[in-house]
Amino acid sequence: MKKVAFKTLGCRLNQYETDAIASQFQDNGFKLVPFDKEADVYVINSCTVTHQSDHKSRNFISQANRKNPDSVLVVTGCMANNAKNELEGRDEINYVVENDHKSSVFSLVEAHYNGEIFHPSKLNYDLFSYGSTDKGFHTRSMVKIQDGCDNFCTFCIIPSVRGRAVSRPIQDILENVKSVIAKGAKEVVLTGVNIGRYEYENFKFDDVVEQILDLDGDFRLRISSIEPDGFGDKFLGLLNHPKMTPHLHLCLQSGSDPILLQMRRMYNIKRFKEIANKIRSYRPDFNITTDIIIGFPGESDQDFEATCNIIKELQFGHVHAFKYSIRKGTRAERMQSQVDERIKTQRSEVLREIADDVKFQYRNGFIDKEQIVLVEKTDGENAKGYGEHYVPVEFKGFKLKKNHFYRVKIMNITTDTEPVLIGEQVK
């Protein structure tokens, strides 16, 4: 039995695509092993959003080659689009597969072992032919509904490496969701590059969500990262549905209107607050998480302070903060007033301290309350998983099973950088 190992960097869409490809390999007789073990095939699903993600991808390429120089090494994902010539020039890499052809990675490897060597550009072009993710790396089953983006934010390279926005036919989405539910999925996560801008024939994003929520089955629905300008009141109304999880990752990027304008974001701070407050009016403990870019060109001390203030005001459940990184070919690359790297580092430390404090305060509010936890790991008496608010929970119980829901009374919280709720099963 041949062995295959995967390494995924970046967004949830990449995670979904890796899960689906991994399922395909396993369905065809491959054994899945950790990336740091020797394997016959290594697949690196890369990210290129920042210089750091490029650096990590290069390190993993070297690591795979050291583990088994005779392996079949495939690099796909956004770096495969952005740095294709560089990667194709590396002798240790067998195949560089761009995003458009990523769903055919297994076909490429299968052909390799059959002695049929052909260029990845000849692979099937299909952004949505990944199938279900029943043998992937996550308990939650991700379903891809959209790819690409038309926003062209000045800092972002995604339209160049993922292409223009394209939406998956709604019937295909519903069949995909039915399939993963039939195979036992208890949580479905909708993913894509800019899912709020989903549009297929006369169907919008909220129509997709509504039809999924109407499907039969014991499951709950989670929305992955979404832009705050990509949905309306109909979607907000669906947040009350019993199958909808009370968590949204709304991408803010900055708390300063002048910086948002420079970023070419499609909203202002007033609009973002209106959305957040409306969501919390449905459910005060709703978990809103976000992304923040630190040190965008021209960001002043006042701009940074405004970002810190909105984190405190809106009490985000989690902040994914990262330093601005120049991406070639974007408008921001040509902007004046690039922020010194030392200032970015200083601001990062300040912001992360604020974000960690706010996160702890938010999670601490669940003590003496209940969560419906989907178990990801268990030994039968102790379990780990996530509550409906997408907050990690560890709890004790009786005959606990993976991929099952349990009602848990929260008793305590850890004081780690990533605070975990501690509870007991409600009999």
Protein backbone atom coordinates (compact mmCIF):
# COMPACT_ATOMS: atom_id res chain seq x y z
CA MET A 1 0.00 0.00 0.00
CA LYS A 2 1.46 3.34 -1.08
CA LYS A 3 1.56 6.17 1.44
CA VAL A 4 0.51 9.79 0.85
CA ALA A 5 1.11 12.85 3.05
CA PHE A 6 -0.42 16.31 2.83
CA LYS A 7 0.52 19.76 4.09
CA THR A 8 -2.04 22.55 3.84
CA LEU A 9 -1.32 26.25 4.30
CA GLY A 10 -3.73 29.16 4.32
CA CYS A 11 -7.49 29.42 4.14
CA ARG A 12 -10.40 27.08 4.81
CA LEU A 13 -10.94 26.71 1.08
CA ASN A 14 -7.48 25.15 0.84
CA GLN A 15 -8.35 22.92 3.80
CA TYR A 16 -11.51 21.75 2.06
CA GLU A 17 -9.69 21.03 -1.19
CA THR A 18 -7.00 19.05 0.66
CA ASP A 19 -9.68 17.06 2.50
CA ALA A 20 -11.37 16.17 -0.77
CA ILE A 21 -8.12 15.18 -2.51
CA ALA A 22 -7.06 13.12 0.53
CA SER A 23 -10.40 11.29 0.44
CA GLN A 24 -9.83 10.48 -3.22
CA PHE A 25 -6.37 9.03 -2.53
CA GLN A 26 -7.72 6.89 0.31
CA ASP A 27 -10.65 5.67 -1.78
CA ASN A 28 -8.05 4.37 -4.23
CA GLY A 29 -5.94 2.39 -1.80
CA PHE A 30 -3.42 4.93 -0.48
CA LYS A 31 -2.61 5.11 3.23
CA LEU A 32 -2.69 8.59 4.74
CA VAL A 33 0.36 9.39 6.92
CA PRO A 34 1.56 12.52 8.75
CA PHE A 35 3.63 14.94 6.68
CA ASP A 36 6.70 14.45 8.85
CA LYS A 37 6.76 10.71 8.08
CA GLU A 38 8.20 8.99 5.01
CA ALA A 39 5.68 8.77 2.17
CA ASP A 40 5.55 7.78 -1.49
CA VAL A 41 3.63 10.93 -2.40
CA TYR A 42 3.74 14.39 -0.83
CA VAL A 43 1.13 17.00 -1.72
CA ILE A 44 1.69 20.58 -0.57
CA ASN A 45 -1.39 22.80 -0.92
CA SER A 46 0.32 26.18 -0.72
CA CYS A 47 -0.70 29.72 0.19
CA THR A 48 0.80 32.97 -1.09
CA VAL A 49 -1.11 35.65 0.83
CA THR A 50 2.06 36.78 2.66
CA HIS A 51 5.83 36.41 2.37
CA GLN A 52 5.65 34.21 5.46
CA SER A 53 3.29 31.75 3.78
CA ASP A 54 5.64 31.55 0.76
CA HIS A 55 8.55 30.89 3.13
CA LYS A 56 6.64 28.11 4.91
CA SER A 57 5.74 26.46 1.60
CA ARG A 58 9.39 26.44 0.52
CA ASN A 59 10.41 24.90 3.85
CA PHE A 60 7.84 22.12 3.49
CA ILE A 61 9.05 21.39 -0.03
CA SER A 62 12.57 20.91 1.34
CA GLN A 63 11.26 18.83 4.26
CA ALA A 64 9.41 16.43 1.96
CA ASN A 65 12.46 16.00 -0.24
CA ARG A 66 14.63 15.21 2.79
CA LYS A 67 12.18 12.59 4.05
CA ASN A 68 12.08 10.74 0.73
CA PRO A 69 14.05 12.10 -2.25
CA ASP A 70 12.44 9.42 -4.45
CA SER A 71 8.87 10.45 -3.63
CA VAL A 72 6.41 12.05 -6.02
CA LEU A 73 6.23 15.67 -4.83
CA VAL A 74 3.25 17.76 -5.97
CA VAL A 75 2.92 21.48 -5.18
CA THR A 76 -0.46 23.04 -5.77
CA GLY A 77 -2.44 26.00 -4.39
CA CYS A 78 -1.98 29.73 -4.76
CA MET A 79 1.83 29.75 -4.70
CA ALA A 80 1.74 27.33 -7.63
CA ASN A 81 0.00 30.09 -9.59
CA ASN A 82 2.01 33.01 -8.28
CA ALA A 83 5.49 31.46 -8.43
CA LYS A 84 4.98 28.80 -11.08
CA ASN A 85 8.26 29.37 -12.95
CA GLU A 86 10.32 29.30 -9.75
CA LEU A 87 8.69 26.08 -8.55
CA GLU A 88 8.94 24.34 -11.91
CA GLY A 89 12.66 25.11 -11.85
CA ARG A 90 13.17 23.11 -8.64
CA ASP A 91 14.39 19.59 -9.44
CA GLU A 92 12.87 18.01 -6.34
CA ILE A 93 9.31 18.97 -7.40
CA ASN A 94 7.68 16.54 -9.82
CA TYR A 95 4.53 18.50 -10.60
CA VAL A 96 3.33 22.09 -10.10
CA VAL A 97 -0.47 22.13 -10.32
CA GLU A 98 -2.31 25.45 -10.55
CA ASN A 99 -5.61 26.00 -8.73
CA ASP A 100 -7.70 25.47 -11.87
CA HIS A 101 -6.49 21.87 -12.11
CA LYS A 102 -6.12 21.05 -8.41
CA SER A 103 -9.08 18.67 -8.31
CA SER A 104 -7.16 16.32 -10.64
CA VAL A 105 -4.07 15.87 -8.44
CA PHE A 106 -4.92 12.22 -7.80
CA SER A 107 -5.38 11.56 -11.53
CA LEU A 108 -1.95 13.06 -12.14
CA VAL A 109 -0.28 10.85 -9.53
CA GLU A 110 -2.16 7.78 -10.73
CA ALA A 111 -0.97 8.45 -14.29
CA HIS A 112 2.58 8.91 -12.99
CA TYR A 113 2.60 5.44 -11.46
CA ASN A 114 1.11 4.03 -14.66
CA GLY A 115 4.02 5.49 -16.62
CA GLU A 116 1.87 8.16 -18.27
CA ILE A 117 3.82 11.39 -17.77
CA PHE A 118 1.95 14.47 -18.89
CA HIS A 119 1.93 18.16 -18.03
CA PRO A 120 -0.51 19.37 -15.32
CA SER A 121 -1.96 21.89 -17.82
CA LYS A 122 -3.55 18.91 -19.59
CA LEU A 123 -5.53 17.95 -16.49
CA ASN A 124 -9.27 18.32 -16.14
CA TYR A 125 -10.31 21.94 -15.56
CA ASP A 126 -13.06 21.93 -12.95
CA LEU A 127 -13.17 24.10 -9.83
CA PHE A 128 -15.94 22.08 -8.19
CA SER A 129 -15.27 18.40 -8.99
CA TYR A 130 -13.75 17.54 -5.62
CA GLY A 131 -16.49 15.29 -4.28
CA SER A 132 -17.28 14.77 -0.59
CA THR A 133 -14.70 14.93 2.20
CA ASP A 134 -15.66 11.87 4.23
CA LYS A 135 -12.03 10.70 4.70
CA GLY A 136 -10.29 14.04 5.23
CA PHE A 137 -8.64 15.64 8.23
CA HIS A 138 -11.62 17.35 9.89
CA THR A 139 -14.82 16.26 11.67
CA ARG A 140 -16.58 19.18 10.04
CA SER A 141 -17.35 18.55 6.38
CA MET A 142 -16.62 21.54 4.14
CA VAL A 143 -18.60 22.16 0.97
CA LYS A 144 -17.25 24.50 -1.70
CA ILE A 145 -19.90 26.79 -3.21
CA GLN A 146 -17.82 29.45 -4.93
CA ASP A 147 -14.29 30.30 -6.10
CA GLY A 148 -12.43 33.42 -7.25
CA CYS A 149 -13.06 37.08 -6.46
CA ASP A 150 -13.94 40.27 -8.35
CA ASN A 151 -13.25 42.75 -5.54
CA PHE A 152 -9.56 43.50 -6.31
CA CYS A 153 -8.69 44.89 -2.88
CA THR A 154 -5.43 46.79 -3.23
CA PHE A 155 -3.48 44.44 -0.91
CA CYS A 156 -4.77 41.15 -2.28
CA ILE A 157 -3.32 38.81 -4.87
CA ILE A 158 -6.21 36.31 -4.76
CA PRO A 159 -7.94 37.45 -8.00
CA SER A 160 -4.65 36.76 -9.78
CA VAL A 161 -4.11 33.27 -8.34
CA ARG A 162 -7.74 32.14 -7.96
CA GLY A 163 -9.26 33.98 -10.90
CA ARG A 164 -12.54 35.84 -11.25
CA ALA A 165 -15.61 34.92 -9.22
CA VAL A 166 -17.51 31.81 -10.28
CA SER A 167 -20.39 30.12 -8.45
CA ARG A 168 -21.25 26.45 -8.27
CA PRO A 169 -24.72 25.34 -9.49
CA ILE A 170 -27.08 25.25 -6.53
CA GLN A 171 -28.32 21.74 -7.28
CA ASP A 172 -24.73 20.45 -7.16
CA ILE A 173 -24.26 22.12 -3.78
CA LEU A 174 -27.44 20.56 -2.36
CA GLU A 175 -26.45 17.11 -3.67
CA ASN A 176 -22.98 17.54 -2.13
CA VAL A 177 -24.51 18.48 1.24
CA LYS A 178 -26.95 15.54 1.10
CA SER A 179 -24.05 13.23 0.30
CA VAL A 180 -21.89 14.26 3.27
CA ILE A 181 -24.89 14.13 5.63
CA ALA A 182 -25.72 10.63 4.39
CA LYS A 183 -22.11 9.63 5.11
CA GLY A 184 -22.43 10.85 8.69
CA ALA A 185 -21.35 14.50 8.67
CA LYS A 186 -22.78 16.38 11.65
CA GLU A 187 -21.47 19.82 10.73
CA VAL A 188 -21.38 21.30 7.23
CA VAL A 189 -19.19 24.34 6.54
CA LEU A 190 -19.81 26.44 3.43
CA THR A 191 -16.56 27.68 1.95
CA GLY A 192 -15.20 29.65 -1.00
CA VAL A 193 -13.17 32.78 -1.70
CA ASN A 194 -16.02 35.29 -1.47
CA ILE A 195 -19.10 33.23 -0.65
CA GLY A 196 -21.33 36.21 0.14
CA ARG A 197 -21.19 37.15 -3.54
CA TYR A 198 -22.54 33.74 -4.63
CA GLU A 199 -24.76 34.13 -7.69
CA TYR A 200 -25.99 31.33 -9.93
CA GLU A 201 -28.92 31.98 -12.26
CA ASN A 202 -31.47 33.65 -9.93
CA PHE A 203 -30.02 32.26 -6.71
CA LYS A 204 -28.04 34.34 -4.22
CA PHE A 205 -26.04 33.36 -1.15
CA ASP A 206 -28.97 33.53 1.24
CA ASP A 207 -31.01 31.28 -1.07
CA VAL A 208 -28.29 28.62 -0.84
CA VAL A 209 -28.21 28.87 2.95
CA GLU A 210 -32.01 28.71 3.20
CA GLN A 211 -32.27 25.59 1.04
CA ILE A 212 -29.51 23.79 2.95
CA LEU A 213 -31.19 24.58 6.27
CA ASP A 214 -34.41 23.05 4.92
CA LEU A 215 -32.71 19.70 4.23
CA ASP A 216 -33.50 16.74 6.47
CA GLY A 217 -30.87 15.35 8.80
CA ASP A 218 -29.22 15.78 12.18
CA PHE A 219 -26.62 18.38 11.27
CA ARG A 220 -25.70 21.99 11.85
CA LEU A 221 -24.50 24.57 9.33
CA ARG A 222 -21.50 26.84 9.70
CA ILE A 223 -20.40 29.67 7.41
CA SER A 224 -16.69 30.13 6.77
CA SER A 225 -15.05 33.53 6.23
CA ILE A 226 -17.40 36.06 4.63
CA GLU A 227 -17.10 39.68 3.53
CA PRO A 228 -19.35 42.12 5.45
CA ASP A 229 -20.74 43.55 2.20
CA GLY A 230 -21.88 40.25 0.72
CA PHE A 231 -25.28 39.58 2.30
CA GLY A 232 -28.54 41.24 3.32
CA ASP A 233 -31.36 41.07 5.84
CA LYS A 234 -32.67 37.74 4.55
CA PHE A 235 -29.43 36.02 5.54
CA LEU A 236 -29.36 37.76 8.93
CA GLY A 237 -32.88 36.46 9.53
CA LEU A 238 -31.69 32.90 8.90
CA LEU A 239 -29.26 33.18 11.83
CA ASN A 240 -32.19 32.29 14.12
CA HIS A 241 -32.62 28.89 12.46
CA PRO A 242 -31.95 26.01 14.91
CA LYS A 243 -29.47 24.37 12.51
CA MET A 244 -27.45 27.57 12.02
CA THR A 245 -24.42 27.99 14.26
CA PRO A 246 -24.07 31.35 16.07
CA HIS A 247 -20.67 32.18 14.59
CA LEU A 248 -19.49 34.29 11.65
CA HIS A 249 -15.99 35.25 10.58
CA LEU A 250 -16.49 38.79 9.24
CA CYS A 251 -13.36 40.22 7.59
CA LEU A 252 -12.75 43.74 8.97
CA GLN A 253 -9.02 44.30 8.04
CA SER A 254 -8.85 47.77 9.66
CA GLY A 255 -10.78 49.93 12.11
CA SER A 256 -9.95 53.10 10.17
CA ASP A 257 -12.16 54.43 7.36
CA PRO A 258 -9.25 56.12 5.51
CA ILE A 259 -7.32 52.83 5.51
CA LEU A 260 -10.39 50.85 4.39
CA LEU A 261 -10.73 53.30 1.51
CA GLN A 262 -7.07 52.81 0.59
CA MET A 263 -7.61 49.05 0.76
CA ARG A 264 -10.58 49.41 -1.58
CA ARG A 265 -12.89 47.63 0.81
CA MET A 266 -16.59 47.81 -0.01
CA TYR A 267 -17.82 49.03 3.40
CA ASN A 268 -17.01 51.56 6.11
CA ILE A 269 -16.78 51.27 9.89
CA LYS A 270 -20.33 52.50 10.43
CA ARG A 271 -21.70 49.77 8.15
CA PHE A 272 -19.57 47.08 9.79
CA LYS A 273 -20.81 48.08 13.25
CA GLU A 274 -24.41 48.09 12.03
CA ILE A 275 -24.02 44.51 10.81
CA ALA A 276 -22.30 43.35 14.01
CA ASN A 277 -24.88 45.01 16.25
CA LYS A 278 -27.77 43.61 14.23
CA ILE A 279 -26.31 40.11 14.53
CA ARG A 280 -25.90 40.53 18.29
CA SER A 281 -29.49 41.79 18.53
CA TYR A 282 -30.56 38.30 17.43
CA ARG A 283 -28.26 36.65 19.93
CA PRO A 284 -26.06 38.67 22.34
CA ASP A 285 -23.49 35.86 22.74
CA PHE A 286 -23.05 35.46 18.96
CA ASN A 287 -19.38 34.79 18.16
CA ILE A 288 -18.03 37.29 15.63
CA THR A 289 -14.41 36.68 14.65
CA THR A 290 -12.35 38.70 12.20
CA ASP A 291 -9.13 39.37 10.25
CA ILE A 292 -6.90 42.41 10.81
CA ILE A 293 -4.01 43.62 8.65
CA ILE A 294 -1.38 45.49 10.67
CA GLY A 295 0.80 48.15 9.05
CA PHE A 296 -0.97 48.72 5.74
CA PRO A 297 0.74 51.53 3.76
CA GLY A 298 -0.06 54.91 5.32
CA GLU A 299 -1.42 53.45 8.59
CA SER A 300 -0.82 56.14 11.22
CA ASP A 301 -0.82 55.78 15.00
CA GLN A 302 -4.38 57.13 14.95
CA ASP A 303 -5.46 54.56 12.37
CA PHE A 304 -3.96 51.78 14.44
CA GLU A 305 -5.59 53.09 17.60
CA ALA A 306 -8.97 53.07 15.83
CA THR A 307 -8.44 49.40 14.99
CA CYS A 308 -7.60 48.58 18.61
CA ASN A 309 -10.68 50.46 19.79
CA ILE A 310 -13.10 48.60 17.52
CA ILE A 311 -11.70 45.26 18.71
CA LYS A 312 -12.54 46.30 22.26
CA GLU A 313 -15.92 47.74 21.30
CA LEU A 314 -17.19 44.79 19.26
CA GLN A 315 -15.68 42.14 21.57
CA PHE A 316 -14.51 39.83 18.80
CA GLY A 317 -14.34 36.19 19.83
CA HIS A 318 -11.05 35.84 17.96
CA VAL A 319 -8.82 38.11 15.87
CA HIS A 320 -6.59 36.68 13.16
CA ALA A 321 -3.99 39.45 12.89
CA PHE A 322 -1.06 39.51 10.50
CA LYS A 323 1.43 42.10 9.33
CA TYR A 324 0.93 43.64 5.90
CA SER A 325 3.12 41.96 3.31
CA ILE A 326 3.82 43.43 -0.14
CA ARG A 327 2.45 41.26 -2.93
CA LYS A 328 3.83 41.96 -6.39
CA GLY A 329 1.23 43.05 -8.90
CA THR A 330 -1.12 44.63 -6.37
CA ARG A 331 -1.90 48.34 -6.15
CA ALA A 332 -0.64 48.52 -2.57
CA GLU A 333 2.83 47.54 -3.78
CA ARG A 334 3.08 50.93 -5.48
CA MET A 335 1.70 52.95 -2.57
CA GLN A 336 3.85 55.48 -0.77
CA SER A 337 4.34 55.54 3.01
CA GLN A 338 5.13 51.85 3.50
CA VAL A 339 5.20 51.21 7.25
CA ASP A 340 8.55 50.26 8.80
CA GLU A 341 8.79 46.58 9.75
CA ARG A 342 9.77 47.44 13.33
CA ILE A 343 6.61 49.50 13.74
CA LYS A 344 4.52 46.62 12.37
CA THR A 345 6.09 44.29 14.93
CA GLN A 346 5.44 46.71 17.80
CA ARG A 347 1.83 47.20 16.74
CA SER A 348 1.37 43.45 16.37
CA GLU A 349 2.38 42.90 19.98
CA VAL A 350 -0.03 45.59 21.20
CA LEU A 351 -2.93 44.37 19.11
CA ARG A 352 -2.47 40.70 19.97
CA GLU A 353 -2.47 41.51 23.69
CA ILE A 354 -5.77 43.38 23.27
CA ALA A 355 -7.23 40.62 21.10
CA ASP A 356 -6.22 37.89 23.57
CA ASP A 357 -7.81 39.81 26.45
CA VAL A 358 -11.05 40.32 24.52
CA LYS A 359 -11.10 36.64 23.49
CA PHE A 360 -10.73 35.52 27.10
CA GLN A 361 -13.49 37.85 28.25
CA TYR A 362 -15.82 36.54 25.55
CA ARG A 363 -15.16 32.87 26.30
CA ASN A 364 -15.29 33.40 30.05
CA GLY A 365 -18.92 34.46 29.56
CA PHE A 366 -19.87 30.84 28.79
CA ILE A 367 -19.16 29.62 32.34
CA ASP A 368 -22.35 28.20 33.94
CA LYS A 369 -23.97 28.00 30.50
CA GLU A 370 -24.41 25.07 28.11
CA GLN A 371 -22.85 24.27 24.74
CA ILE A 372 -23.78 21.65 22.15
CA VAL A 373 -20.37 20.12 21.46
CA LEU A 374 -19.44 18.09 18.38
CA VAL A 375 -16.74 15.66 19.54
CA GLU A 376 -13.53 15.48 17.48
CA LYS A 377 -11.37 13.40 19.85
CA THR A 378 -12.31 11.11 22.75
CA ASP A 379 -11.16 8.16 24.84
CA GLY A 380 -14.75 7.45 25.91
CA GLU A 381 -14.67 9.44 29.13
CA ASN A 382 -12.81 12.61 28.10
CA ALA A 383 -13.55 14.48 24.89
CA LYS A 384 -12.49 17.51 22.89
CA GLY A 385 -14.55 19.36 20.33
CA TYR A 386 -16.21 22.63 19.43
CA GLY A 387 -19.44 24.13 20.71
CA GLU A 388 -21.96 25.73 18.39
CA HIS A 389 -20.21 29.11 18.88
CA TYR A 390 -16.99 27.62 17.47
CA VAL A 391 -15.22 27.76 20.82
CA PRO A 392 -13.03 24.78 21.88
CA VAL A 393 -14.46 22.66 24.70
CA GLU A 394 -13.01 19.80 26.74
CA PHE A 395 -15.41 17.78 28.88
CA LYS A 396 -15.98 14.57 30.80
CA GLY A 397 -18.81 12.15 30.16
CA PHE A 398 -19.85 8.54 29.68
CA LYS A 399 -19.29 6.38 26.58
CA LEU A 400 -18.50 9.47 24.50
CA LYS A 401 -18.18 8.97 20.74
CA LYS A 402 -16.44 10.92 18.01
CA ASN A 403 -18.69 12.87 15.60
CA HIS A 404 -21.60 12.93 18.04
CA PHE A 405 -23.35 15.92 19.64
CA TYR A 406 -23.39 16.28 23.43
CA ARG A 407 -24.95 18.88 25.69
CA VAL A 408 -22.21 20.18 27.99
CA LYS A 409 -22.38 22.38 31.09
CA ILE A 410 -19.39 24.74 31.13
CA MET A 411 -17.70 24.81 34.53
CA ASN A 412 -14.36 26.55 33.97
CA ILE A 413 -11.90 27.96 31.43
CA THR A 414 -8.15 27.56 30.94
CA THR A 415 -5.89 30.61 30.98
CA ASP A 416 -3.79 29.58 27.98
CA THR A 417 -3.20 31.81 24.94
CA GLU A 418 -5.99 29.78 23.34
CA PRO A 419 -8.51 29.55 26.23
CA VAL A 420 -10.47 26.28 26.29
CA LEU A 421 -13.83 25.84 28.01
CA ILE A 422 -13.95 22.99 30.54
CA GLY A 423 -17.23 21.20 31.21
CA GLU A 424 -19.22 18.09 32.00
CA GLN A 425 -21.77 16.18 29.96
CA VAL A 426 -25.36 16.98 30.86
CA LYS A 427 -27.08 13.65 31.50
